[in-house]
């Protein structure tokens, strides 16, 4: 599965800052999506798109911390970098506790922000890779029959009782039938051992 292009979202009610950041980031090759308010961002936000959020703290209606709290509430793990001309220590502590990558005070050096953005995008790449790996694992297990899945579940639940005889006794079938199913499970999943099966199933 190919890696999707990452997006740097910029949410700031100051048009000059929005435009300045948009130009600087676009020139450096980043894909940028700018918004003047939290409401505008939420209307356009697609949680399936990976990237990071450069977020102004002091905005009217919904401020940056409130937007961060909303994203956390809906289960978004979008990495957030706060920029602010208003916030102090309590706000920065709250932002970091909420999972923010950093909290930069205006005026900040553009190079410092780029450095934080690169760190946030690296987090996003790891998130994307983990989700894609999870999807691939789900697709692997979708190849199994109901009985094969039942055997996998038993093996994962009771890793100390994985012999064909023990599984057969639990399921009320013959050990030879379990042997056949185990061989088919490993073949379908492209695995070499029950140890590999347990590790992947637990993930």
N, C-alpha and C. Protein backbone atom coordinates (compact mmCIF):
# COMPACT_ATOMS: atom_id res chain seq x y z
N UNK A 1 0.85 -1.19 0.00
CA UNK A 1 0.00 0.00 0.00
C UNK A 1 0.89 1.24 0.00
N UNK A 2 0.68 2.15 -0.94
CA UNK A 2 1.54 3.33 -1.08
C UNK A 2 1.28 4.34 0.04
N UNK A 3 2.33 5.06 0.40
CA UNK A 3 2.20 6.11 1.41
C UNK A 3 1.51 7.31 0.80
N UNK A 4 0.49 7.81 1.50
CA UNK A 4 -0.21 8.99 1.03
C UNK A 4 0.59 10.24 1.37
N UNK A 5 0.41 11.29 0.56
CA UNK A 5 1.10 12.54 0.83
C UNK A 5 0.57 13.14 2.13
N UNK A 6 1.47 13.64 2.96
CA UNK A 6 1.09 14.20 4.24
C UNK A 6 0.72 15.67 4.08
N UNK A 7 -0.20 16.13 4.94
CA UNK A 7 -0.70 17.50 4.87
C UNK A 7 -0.31 18.27 6.12
N UNK A 8 0.16 19.52 5.94
CA UNK A 8 0.36 20.42 7.07
C UNK A 8 -0.84 21.36 7.13
N UNK A 9 -1.67 21.19 8.16
CA UNK A 9 -2.81 22.07 8.36
C UNK A 9 -2.36 23.28 9.18
N UNK A 10 -2.74 24.47 8.72
CA UNK A 10 -2.43 25.69 9.46
C UNK A 10 -3.76 26.35 9.83
N UNK A 11 -4.00 26.53 11.14
CA UNK A 11 -5.23 27.14 11.60
C UNK A 11 -4.86 28.36 12.45
N UNK A 12 -5.13 29.55 11.92
CA UNK A 12 -4.77 30.80 12.60
C UNK A 12 -5.70 31.89 12.09
N UNK A 13 -6.23 32.70 13.00
CA UNK A 13 -7.15 33.76 12.57
C UNK A 13 -6.43 34.99 12.03
N UNK A 14 -5.10 35.00 12.12
CA UNK A 14 -4.30 36.12 11.59
C UNK A 14 -3.95 35.81 10.13
N UNK A 15 -4.55 36.56 9.21
CA UNK A 15 -4.36 36.29 7.78
C UNK A 15 -2.90 36.40 7.36
N UNK A 16 -2.18 37.39 7.91
CA UNK A 16 -0.78 37.59 7.53
C UNK A 16 0.05 36.36 7.89
N UNK A 17 -0.20 35.79 9.06
CA UNK A 17 0.55 34.60 9.48
C UNK A 17 0.16 33.41 8.62
N UNK A 18 -1.14 33.26 8.34
CA UNK A 18 -1.59 32.17 7.49
C UNK A 18 -0.90 32.20 6.14
N UNK A 19 -0.91 33.37 5.52
CA UNK A 19 -0.34 33.50 4.18
C UNK A 19 1.18 33.31 4.20
N UNK A 20 1.83 33.87 5.23
CA UNK A 20 3.28 33.75 5.33
C UNK A 20 3.69 32.28 5.49
N UNK A 21 3.00 31.56 6.39
CA UNK A 21 3.32 30.15 6.61
C UNK A 21 2.99 29.32 5.37
N UNK A 22 1.87 29.63 4.74
CA UNK A 22 1.48 28.87 3.56
C UNK A 22 2.53 29.00 2.46
N UNK A 23 3.00 30.23 2.22
CA UNK A 23 4.01 30.45 1.18
C UNK A 23 5.31 29.73 1.54
N UNK A 24 5.74 29.89 2.80
CA UNK A 24 7.02 29.30 3.21
C UNK A 24 6.99 27.78 3.12
N UNK A 25 5.89 27.19 3.54
CA UNK A 25 5.79 25.73 3.55
C UNK A 25 5.62 25.17 2.13
N UNK A 26 4.79 25.84 1.33
CA UNK A 26 4.58 25.39 -0.04
C UNK A 26 5.88 25.45 -0.83
N UNK A 27 6.66 26.52 -0.62
CA UNK A 27 7.95 26.68 -1.30
C UNK A 27 8.89 25.53 -0.96
N UNK A 28 8.78 25.03 0.27
CA UNK A 28 9.64 23.92 0.71
C UNK A 28 9.07 22.55 0.32
N UNK A 29 7.96 22.54 -0.39
CA UNK A 29 7.44 21.28 -0.90
C UNK A 29 6.39 20.59 -0.04
N UNK A 30 5.93 21.25 1.02
CA UNK A 30 4.89 20.66 1.86
C UNK A 30 3.51 20.87 1.22
N UNK A 31 2.61 19.94 1.44
CA UNK A 31 1.21 20.16 1.05
C UNK A 31 0.54 20.88 2.22
N UNK A 32 -0.07 22.03 1.93
CA UNK A 32 -0.58 22.90 3.00
C UNK A 32 -2.07 23.13 2.83
N UNK A 33 -2.78 23.15 3.95
CA UNK A 33 -4.22 23.41 3.98
C UNK A 33 -4.46 24.43 5.08
N UNK A 34 -4.83 25.67 4.72
CA UNK A 34 -4.95 26.74 5.72
C UNK A 34 -6.41 27.06 6.04
N UNK A 35 -6.64 27.45 7.31
CA UNK A 35 -7.98 27.80 7.77
C UNK A 35 -7.90 28.97 8.74
N UNK A 36 -8.94 29.82 8.70
CA UNK A 36 -8.97 31.02 9.55
C UNK A 36 -9.61 30.76 10.91
N UNK A 37 -10.23 29.59 11.08
CA UNK A 37 -10.91 29.30 12.35
C UNK A 37 -10.96 27.80 12.59
N UNK A 38 -11.21 27.45 13.85
CA UNK A 38 -11.37 26.04 14.19
C UNK A 38 -12.57 25.44 13.46
N UNK A 39 -13.64 26.21 13.37
CA UNK A 39 -14.86 25.72 12.70
C UNK A 39 -14.59 25.40 11.24
N UNK A 40 -13.86 26.27 10.56
CA UNK A 40 -13.52 26.04 9.15
C UNK A 40 -12.68 24.77 9.00
N UNK A 41 -11.72 24.61 9.89
CA UNK A 41 -10.87 23.42 9.85
C UNK A 41 -11.69 22.15 10.05
N UNK A 42 -12.57 22.16 11.07
CA UNK A 42 -13.36 20.96 11.37
C UNK A 42 -14.30 20.60 10.24
N UNK A 43 -14.82 21.60 9.55
CA UNK A 43 -15.72 21.34 8.42
C UNK A 43 -15.00 20.61 7.30
N UNK A 44 -13.73 20.97 7.08
CA UNK A 44 -12.97 20.39 5.97
C UNK A 44 -12.14 19.18 6.38
N UNK A 45 -11.95 18.97 7.67
CA UNK A 45 -11.01 17.94 8.15
C UNK A 45 -11.46 16.53 7.82
N UNK A 46 -10.54 15.78 7.22
CA UNK A 46 -10.76 14.37 6.93
C UNK A 46 -9.81 13.56 7.82
N UNK A 47 -10.33 12.85 8.83
CA UNK A 47 -9.46 12.13 9.77
C UNK A 47 -8.63 11.03 9.13
N UNK A 48 -8.98 10.65 7.90
CA UNK A 48 -8.21 9.61 7.20
C UNK A 48 -6.99 10.19 6.48
N UNK A 49 -6.88 11.52 6.44
CA UNK A 49 -5.70 12.15 5.84
C UNK A 49 -4.66 12.38 6.93
N UNK A 50 -3.44 11.96 6.66
CA UNK A 50 -2.38 12.07 7.65
C UNK A 50 -1.62 13.38 7.48
N UNK A 51 -1.05 13.86 8.58
CA UNK A 51 -0.27 15.08 8.54
C UNK A 51 -0.07 15.62 9.94
N UNK A 52 0.01 16.95 10.05
CA UNK A 52 0.12 17.59 11.36
C UNK A 52 -0.64 18.91 11.33
N UNK A 53 -0.88 19.45 12.51
CA UNK A 53 -1.66 20.68 12.64
C UNK A 53 -0.84 21.75 13.32
N UNK A 54 -0.62 22.87 12.62
CA UNK A 54 0.00 24.05 13.21
C UNK A 54 -1.16 24.94 13.66
N UNK A 55 -1.30 25.12 14.96
CA UNK A 55 -2.53 25.65 15.54
C UNK A 55 -2.28 26.87 16.42
N UNK A 56 -2.97 27.96 16.10
CA UNK A 56 -2.90 29.17 16.92
C UNK A 56 -3.69 28.95 18.21
N UNK A 57 -3.13 29.40 19.32
CA UNK A 57 -3.84 29.24 20.59
C UNK A 57 -5.00 30.23 20.72
N UNK A 58 -4.72 31.52 20.46
CA UNK A 58 -5.68 32.57 20.79
C UNK A 58 -6.62 32.92 19.66
N UNK A 59 -7.62 32.08 19.38
CA UNK A 59 -8.61 32.37 18.35
C UNK A 59 -9.97 32.59 18.98
N UNK A 60 -10.83 33.42 18.35
CA UNK A 60 -12.18 33.63 18.88
C UNK A 60 -13.05 32.38 18.72
N UNK A 61 -14.15 32.35 19.43
CA UNK A 61 -15.14 31.25 19.40
C UNK A 61 -14.53 29.97 19.96
N UNK A 62 -13.79 29.21 19.17
CA UNK A 62 -13.11 28.01 19.69
C UNK A 62 -11.61 28.24 19.61
N UNK A 63 -10.95 28.31 20.79
CA UNK A 63 -9.50 28.56 20.75
C UNK A 63 -8.74 27.26 20.48
N UNK A 64 -7.41 27.38 20.41
CA UNK A 64 -6.60 26.23 20.03
C UNK A 64 -6.71 25.06 20.99
N UNK A 65 -6.71 25.35 22.30
CA UNK A 65 -6.81 24.27 23.28
C UNK A 65 -8.16 23.58 23.19
N UNK A 66 -9.21 24.34 22.92
CA UNK A 66 -10.54 23.74 22.78
C UNK A 66 -10.60 22.85 21.54
N UNK A 67 -9.96 23.29 20.45
CA UNK A 67 -9.92 22.47 19.25
C UNK A 67 -9.12 21.19 19.50
N UNK A 68 -7.99 21.32 20.19
CA UNK A 68 -7.19 20.15 20.53
C UNK A 68 -8.02 19.16 21.36
N UNK A 69 -8.75 19.68 22.35
CA UNK A 69 -9.57 18.81 23.20
C UNK A 69 -10.65 18.12 22.38
N UNK A 70 -11.22 18.84 21.41
CA UNK A 70 -12.26 18.25 20.55
C UNK A 70 -11.66 17.13 19.70
N UNK A 71 -10.48 17.36 19.13
CA UNK A 71 -9.83 16.33 18.31
C UNK A 71 -9.53 15.09 19.14
N UNK A 72 -9.07 15.30 20.37
CA UNK A 72 -8.80 14.16 21.25
C UNK A 72 -10.09 13.41 21.56
N UNK A 73 -11.18 14.15 21.74
CA UNK A 73 -12.47 13.54 22.08
C UNK A 73 -12.98 12.64 20.95
N UNK A 74 -12.76 13.07 19.70
CA UNK A 74 -13.25 12.27 18.58
C UNK A 74 -12.25 11.20 18.14
N UNK A 75 -11.15 11.08 18.90
CA UNK A 75 -10.19 10.01 18.63
C UNK A 75 -9.14 10.33 17.58
N UNK A 76 -8.99 11.60 17.21
CA UNK A 76 -7.97 11.96 16.22
C UNK A 76 -6.60 11.97 16.89
N UNK A 77 -5.60 11.40 16.22
CA UNK A 77 -4.23 11.43 16.74
C UNK A 77 -3.34 12.34 15.90
N UNK A 78 -3.95 13.34 15.25
CA UNK A 78 -3.21 14.30 14.43
C UNK A 78 -2.20 15.04 15.32
N UNK A 79 -0.89 14.97 15.02
CA UNK A 79 0.09 15.69 15.83
C UNK A 79 -0.13 17.20 15.74
N UNK A 80 -0.07 17.89 16.89
CA UNK A 80 -0.38 19.32 16.96
C UNK A 80 0.84 20.11 17.42
N UNK A 81 1.10 21.21 16.72
CA UNK A 81 2.12 22.18 17.14
C UNK A 81 1.40 23.49 17.40
N UNK A 82 1.46 24.00 18.63
CA UNK A 82 0.81 25.27 18.95
C UNK A 82 1.74 26.43 18.65
N UNK A 83 1.16 27.50 18.10
CA UNK A 83 1.86 28.78 17.98
C UNK A 83 0.98 29.82 18.65
N UNK A 84 1.58 30.74 19.42
CA UNK A 84 0.76 31.67 20.17
C UNK A 84 1.47 32.96 20.50
N UNK A 85 0.69 34.02 20.57
CA UNK A 85 1.21 35.28 21.05
C UNK A 85 0.58 35.63 22.38
N UNK A 86 -0.27 34.72 22.89
CA UNK A 86 -1.05 35.02 24.10
C UNK A 86 -0.80 34.06 25.25
N UNK A 87 -0.49 32.83 24.94
CA UNK A 87 -0.45 31.80 25.97
C UNK A 87 0.74 31.94 26.91
N UNK A 88 0.57 31.39 28.11
CA UNK A 88 1.64 31.36 29.09
C UNK A 88 1.95 29.94 29.49
N UNK A 89 2.56 29.80 30.66
CA UNK A 89 2.97 28.47 31.13
C UNK A 89 1.79 27.53 31.32
N UNK A 90 0.68 27.97 31.97
CA UNK A 90 -0.44 27.03 32.16
C UNK A 90 -0.99 26.50 30.84
N UNK A 91 -1.09 27.39 29.84
CA UNK A 91 -1.62 26.98 28.54
C UNK A 91 -0.68 25.98 27.85
N UNK A 92 0.62 26.27 27.94
CA UNK A 92 1.58 25.38 27.29
C UNK A 92 1.59 24.01 27.97
N UNK A 93 1.48 23.99 29.28
CA UNK A 93 1.43 22.72 30.01
C UNK A 93 0.19 21.93 29.61
N UNK A 94 -0.96 22.64 29.52
CA UNK A 94 -2.19 21.96 29.12
C UNK A 94 -2.08 21.39 27.71
N UNK A 95 -1.46 22.17 26.81
CA UNK A 95 -1.29 21.72 25.42
C UNK A 95 -0.43 20.47 25.35
N UNK A 96 0.69 20.46 26.07
CA UNK A 96 1.60 19.31 26.05
C UNK A 96 0.92 18.10 26.68
N UNK A 97 0.18 18.32 27.77
CA UNK A 97 -0.55 17.21 28.40
C UNK A 97 -1.58 16.63 27.44
N UNK A 98 -2.12 17.49 26.57
CA UNK A 98 -3.10 17.04 25.58
C UNK A 98 -2.47 16.32 24.41
N UNK A 99 -1.13 16.24 24.40
CA UNK A 99 -0.44 15.49 23.36
C UNK A 99 0.26 16.33 22.32
N UNK A 100 0.31 17.67 22.51
CA UNK A 100 0.96 18.53 21.52
C UNK A 100 2.44 18.20 21.38
N UNK A 101 2.94 18.35 20.16
CA UNK A 101 4.36 18.12 19.89
C UNK A 101 5.19 19.24 20.51
N UNK A 102 4.70 20.49 20.41
CA UNK A 102 5.42 21.63 20.98
C UNK A 102 4.48 22.84 21.07
N UNK A 103 4.96 23.88 21.75
CA UNK A 103 4.19 25.10 21.98
C UNK A 103 5.14 26.26 21.74
N UNK A 104 5.06 26.90 20.57
CA UNK A 104 5.98 27.97 20.20
C UNK A 104 5.34 29.34 20.39
N UNK A 105 6.08 30.25 21.01
CA UNK A 105 5.57 31.61 21.20
C UNK A 105 5.95 32.50 20.02
N UNK A 106 5.00 33.31 19.56
CA UNK A 106 5.27 34.29 18.51
C UNK A 106 6.04 35.46 19.14
N UNK A 107 6.96 36.07 18.42
CA UNK A 107 7.46 35.64 17.11
C UNK A 107 8.44 34.47 17.26
N UNK A 108 8.38 33.54 16.34
CA UNK A 108 9.26 32.39 16.39
C UNK A 108 10.07 32.34 15.10
N UNK A 109 11.20 31.68 15.17
CA UNK A 109 12.01 31.51 13.96
C UNK A 109 11.35 30.47 13.07
N UNK A 110 11.25 30.78 11.79
CA UNK A 110 10.62 29.85 10.85
C UNK A 110 11.34 28.50 10.85
N UNK A 111 12.66 28.55 10.98
CA UNK A 111 13.44 27.32 10.99
C UNK A 111 13.05 26.43 12.16
N UNK A 112 12.73 27.06 13.30
CA UNK A 112 12.33 26.29 14.48
C UNK A 112 10.99 25.60 14.23
N UNK A 113 10.07 26.31 13.57
CA UNK A 113 8.77 25.72 13.27
C UNK A 113 8.93 24.57 12.26
N UNK A 114 9.75 24.77 11.23
CA UNK A 114 9.98 23.72 10.24
C UNK A 114 10.52 22.46 10.91
N UNK A 115 11.42 22.66 11.85
CA UNK A 115 11.99 21.52 12.58
C UNK A 115 10.90 20.76 13.32
N UNK A 116 9.98 21.49 13.99
CA UNK A 116 8.87 20.85 14.72
C UNK A 116 7.91 20.16 13.75
N UNK A 117 7.66 20.80 12.60
CA UNK A 117 6.77 20.20 11.61
C UNK A 117 7.34 18.88 11.11
N UNK A 118 8.65 18.87 10.82
CA UNK A 118 9.28 17.63 10.35
C UNK A 118 9.16 16.52 11.39
N UNK A 119 9.32 16.89 12.67
CA UNK A 119 9.18 15.90 13.75
C UNK A 119 7.74 15.38 13.82
N UNK A 120 6.78 16.30 13.67
CA UNK A 120 5.37 15.91 13.71
C UNK A 120 4.99 15.03 12.53
N UNK A 121 5.54 15.34 11.35
CA UNK A 121 5.23 14.53 10.17
C UNK A 121 5.86 13.14 10.26
N UNK A 122 6.98 13.04 10.96
CA UNK A 122 7.57 11.72 11.18
C UNK A 122 6.66 10.87 12.06
N UNK A 123 6.03 11.52 13.07
CA UNK A 123 5.04 10.82 13.90
C UNK A 123 3.88 10.36 13.02
N UNK A 124 3.42 11.25 12.12
CA UNK A 124 2.30 10.92 11.23
C UNK A 124 2.66 9.75 10.31
N UNK A 125 3.91 9.71 9.84
CA UNK A 125 4.32 8.59 8.97
C UNK A 125 4.27 7.27 9.74
N UNK A 126 4.69 7.30 10.99
CA UNK A 126 4.64 6.07 11.80
C UNK A 126 3.18 5.65 12.05
N UNK A 127 2.32 6.63 12.29
CA UNK A 127 0.89 6.33 12.47
C UNK A 127 0.32 5.69 11.20
N UNK A 128 0.67 6.27 10.07
CA UNK A 128 0.17 5.77 8.79
C UNK A 128 0.65 4.34 8.54
N UNK A 129 1.94 4.10 8.80
CA UNK A 129 2.50 2.76 8.59
C UNK A 129 1.84 1.74 9.51
N UNK A 130 1.58 2.15 10.76
CA UNK A 130 0.95 1.24 11.72
C UNK A 130 -0.47 0.91 11.29
N UNK A 131 -1.21 1.92 10.82
CA UNK A 131 -2.59 1.66 10.40
C UNK A 131 -2.62 0.77 9.15
N UNK A 132 -1.71 1.02 8.22
CA UNK A 132 -1.66 0.20 7.02
C UNK A 132 -1.29 -1.25 7.35
N UNK A 133 -0.35 -1.41 8.30
CA UNK A 133 0.03 -2.76 8.71
C UNK A 133 -1.15 -3.47 9.37
N UNK A 134 -1.91 -2.72 10.18
CA UNK A 134 -3.09 -3.29 10.82
C UNK A 134 -4.13 -3.72 9.79
N UNK A 135 -4.31 -2.89 8.77
CA UNK A 135 -5.26 -3.22 7.71
C UNK A 135 -4.83 -4.46 6.95
N UNK A 136 -3.54 -4.57 6.69
CA UNK A 136 -3.01 -5.75 5.99
C UNK A 136 -3.22 -7.01 6.82
N UNK A 137 -3.03 -6.89 8.15
CA UNK A 137 -3.25 -8.05 9.03
C UNK A 137 -4.72 -8.46 9.03
N UNK A 138 -5.62 -7.45 9.07
CA UNK A 138 -7.05 -7.78 9.03
C UNK A 138 -7.41 -8.49 7.73
N UNK A 139 -6.84 -8.02 6.62
CA UNK A 139 -7.11 -8.66 5.33
C UNK A 139 -6.58 -10.10 5.31
N UNK A 140 -5.45 -10.32 5.97
CA UNK A 140 -4.91 -11.68 6.05
C UNK A 140 -5.89 -12.60 6.76
N UNK A 141 -6.40 -12.16 7.90
CA UNK A 141 -7.28 -13.02 8.70
C UNK A 141 -8.66 -13.18 8.06
N UNK A 142 -9.02 -12.25 7.17
CA UNK A 142 -10.29 -12.39 6.46
C UNK A 142 -10.28 -13.58 5.49
N UNK A 143 -9.08 -14.10 5.19
CA UNK A 143 -8.98 -15.26 4.30
C UNK A 143 -9.37 -16.56 5.01
N UNK A 144 -9.44 -16.53 6.33
CA UNK A 144 -9.68 -17.75 7.09
C UNK A 144 -11.17 -18.07 7.18
N UNK A 145 -11.46 -19.36 7.29
CA UNK A 145 -12.85 -19.78 7.51
C UNK A 145 -13.22 -19.56 8.97
N UNK A 146 -14.52 -19.71 9.27
CA UNK A 146 -14.99 -19.54 10.65
C UNK A 146 -14.30 -20.52 11.59
N UNK A 147 -14.14 -21.77 11.16
CA UNK A 147 -13.49 -22.78 12.00
C UNK A 147 -12.02 -22.44 12.21
N UNK A 148 -11.36 -21.98 11.14
CA UNK A 148 -9.95 -21.61 11.26
C UNK A 148 -9.77 -20.44 12.22
N UNK A 149 -10.68 -19.46 12.15
CA UNK A 149 -10.62 -18.33 13.08
C UNK A 149 -10.84 -18.78 14.51
N UNK A 150 -11.72 -19.75 14.68
CA UNK A 150 -11.99 -20.29 16.02
C UNK A 150 -10.72 -20.93 16.60
N UNK A 151 -9.99 -21.63 15.76
CA UNK A 151 -8.75 -22.25 16.20
C UNK A 151 -7.70 -21.19 16.53
N UNK A 152 -7.60 -20.14 15.70
CA UNK A 152 -6.66 -19.06 15.97
C UNK A 152 -6.99 -18.39 17.31
N UNK A 153 -8.27 -18.11 17.54
CA UNK A 153 -8.68 -17.47 18.80
C UNK A 153 -8.29 -18.32 20.00
N UNK A 154 -8.49 -19.63 19.88
CA UNK A 154 -8.14 -20.53 20.97
C UNK A 154 -6.63 -20.53 21.22
N UNK A 155 -5.86 -20.56 20.16
CA UNK A 155 -4.39 -20.55 20.28
C UNK A 155 -3.91 -19.27 20.96
N UNK A 156 -4.50 -18.14 20.58
CA UNK A 156 -4.09 -16.85 21.15
C UNK A 156 -4.51 -16.76 22.62
N UNK A 157 -5.73 -17.23 22.92
CA UNK A 157 -6.22 -17.17 24.30
C UNK A 157 -5.46 -18.10 25.22
N UNK A 158 -5.06 -19.28 24.71
CA UNK A 158 -4.37 -20.29 25.53
C UNK A 158 -3.07 -20.73 24.86
N UNK A 159 -2.07 -19.84 24.82
CA UNK A 159 -0.82 -20.19 24.12
C UNK A 159 -0.08 -21.38 24.73
N UNK A 160 -0.42 -21.75 25.97
CA UNK A 160 0.23 -22.91 26.58
C UNK A 160 -0.50 -24.21 26.23
N UNK A 161 -1.62 -24.09 25.53
CA UNK A 161 -2.41 -25.27 25.18
C UNK A 161 -2.67 -25.29 23.68
N UNK A 162 -1.60 -25.35 22.91
CA UNK A 162 -1.74 -25.22 21.45
C UNK A 162 -1.54 -26.54 20.71
N UNK A 163 -1.42 -27.64 21.43
CA UNK A 163 -1.29 -28.92 20.73
C UNK A 163 -2.61 -29.25 20.03
N UNK A 164 -2.51 -30.02 18.97
CA UNK A 164 -3.72 -30.41 18.23
C UNK A 164 -4.68 -31.18 19.14
N UNK A 165 -4.13 -31.99 20.04
CA UNK A 165 -4.96 -32.78 20.94
C UNK A 165 -5.76 -31.88 21.88
N UNK A 166 -5.11 -30.85 22.43
CA UNK A 166 -5.77 -29.94 23.37
C UNK A 166 -6.84 -29.10 22.66
N UNK A 167 -6.53 -28.62 21.47
CA UNK A 167 -7.50 -27.82 20.72
C UNK A 167 -8.67 -28.69 20.28
N UNK A 168 -8.37 -29.92 19.87
CA UNK A 168 -9.42 -30.85 19.44
C UNK A 168 -10.38 -31.14 20.59
N UNK A 169 -9.85 -31.34 21.79
CA UNK A 169 -10.70 -31.62 22.95
C UNK A 169 -11.62 -30.44 23.24
N UNK A 170 -11.09 -29.23 23.10
CA UNK A 170 -11.89 -28.04 23.37
C UNK A 170 -13.00 -27.87 22.33
N UNK A 171 -12.68 -28.13 21.06
CA UNK A 171 -13.64 -27.90 19.98
C UNK A 171 -14.53 -29.11 19.70
N UNK A 172 -14.18 -30.25 20.25
CA UNK A 172 -14.97 -31.45 20.01
C UNK A 172 -14.78 -32.03 18.63
N UNK A 173 -13.56 -31.92 18.11
CA UNK A 173 -13.24 -32.49 16.80
C UNK A 173 -12.00 -33.35 16.95
N UNK A 174 -11.59 -34.01 15.89
CA UNK A 174 -10.43 -34.91 15.99
C UNK A 174 -9.12 -34.14 15.87
N UNK A 175 -8.05 -34.62 16.51
CA UNK A 175 -6.73 -33.98 16.37
C UNK A 175 -6.26 -33.92 14.92
N UNK A 176 -6.60 -34.94 14.12
CA UNK A 176 -6.20 -34.94 12.72
C UNK A 176 -6.84 -33.75 11.97
N UNK A 177 -8.11 -33.47 12.31
CA UNK A 177 -8.79 -32.33 11.68
C UNK A 177 -8.13 -31.02 12.09
N UNK A 178 -7.74 -30.94 13.36
CA UNK A 178 -7.02 -29.74 13.83
C UNK A 178 -5.70 -29.58 13.09
N UNK A 179 -4.98 -30.69 12.91
CA UNK A 179 -3.71 -30.65 12.16
C UNK A 179 -3.93 -30.06 10.76
N UNK A 180 -4.99 -30.51 10.11
CA UNK A 180 -5.31 -30.03 8.77
C UNK A 180 -5.58 -28.52 8.80
N UNK A 181 -6.41 -28.08 9.77
CA UNK A 181 -6.74 -26.66 9.86
C UNK A 181 -5.50 -25.82 10.16
N UNK A 182 -4.66 -26.29 11.06
CA UNK A 182 -3.45 -25.54 11.42
C UNK A 182 -2.56 -25.35 10.20
N UNK A 183 -2.40 -26.41 9.43
CA UNK A 183 -1.57 -26.31 8.22
C UNK A 183 -2.15 -25.30 7.24
N UNK A 184 -3.47 -25.32 7.09
CA UNK A 184 -4.14 -24.38 6.17
C UNK A 184 -4.01 -22.94 6.67
N UNK A 185 -4.13 -22.75 7.98
CA UNK A 185 -4.02 -21.41 8.56
C UNK A 185 -2.63 -20.83 8.26
N UNK A 186 -1.59 -21.59 8.54
CA UNK A 186 -0.22 -21.10 8.30
C UNK A 186 0.02 -20.85 6.82
N UNK A 187 -0.52 -21.72 5.97
CA UNK A 187 -0.35 -21.55 4.52
C UNK A 187 -1.04 -20.28 4.04
N UNK A 188 -2.30 -20.07 4.47
CA UNK A 188 -3.05 -18.89 4.03
C UNK A 188 -2.41 -17.59 4.50
N UNK A 189 -1.84 -17.61 5.71
CA UNK A 189 -1.27 -16.38 6.27
C UNK A 189 0.20 -16.21 5.91
N UNK A 190 0.78 -17.21 5.25
CA UNK A 190 2.19 -17.11 4.86
C UNK A 190 3.13 -17.15 6.05
N UNK A 191 2.76 -17.91 7.09
CA UNK A 191 3.57 -18.00 8.30
C UNK A 191 4.23 -19.37 8.40
N UNK A 192 5.27 -19.43 9.24
CA UNK A 192 6.02 -20.67 9.36
C UNK A 192 5.77 -21.39 10.68
N UNK A 193 5.24 -20.68 11.67
CA UNK A 193 5.10 -21.32 12.98
C UNK A 193 3.92 -20.74 13.75
N UNK A 194 3.50 -21.47 14.78
CA UNK A 194 2.44 -21.02 15.67
C UNK A 194 2.89 -19.79 16.46
N UNK A 195 4.19 -19.72 16.77
CA UNK A 195 4.72 -18.55 17.49
C UNK A 195 4.50 -17.28 16.66
N UNK A 196 4.78 -17.35 15.35
CA UNK A 196 4.53 -16.21 14.46
C UNK A 196 3.05 -15.87 14.44
N UNK A 197 2.21 -16.89 14.39
CA UNK A 197 0.76 -16.68 14.35
C UNK A 197 0.28 -15.94 15.59
N UNK A 198 0.75 -16.35 16.76
CA UNK A 198 0.34 -15.71 18.00
C UNK A 198 0.77 -14.24 18.02
N UNK A 199 1.99 -13.97 17.59
CA UNK A 199 2.51 -12.60 17.59
C UNK A 199 1.69 -11.69 16.68
N UNK A 200 1.38 -12.17 15.47
CA UNK A 200 0.63 -11.34 14.52
C UNK A 200 -0.82 -11.18 14.95
N UNK A 201 -1.43 -12.24 15.46
CA UNK A 201 -2.83 -12.17 15.90
C UNK A 201 -2.98 -11.18 17.05
N UNK A 202 -2.02 -11.14 17.95
CA UNK A 202 -2.10 -10.22 19.09
C UNK A 202 -1.95 -8.76 18.66
N UNK A 203 -1.25 -8.54 17.57
CA UNK A 203 -1.11 -7.17 17.07
C UNK A 203 -2.40 -6.65 16.49
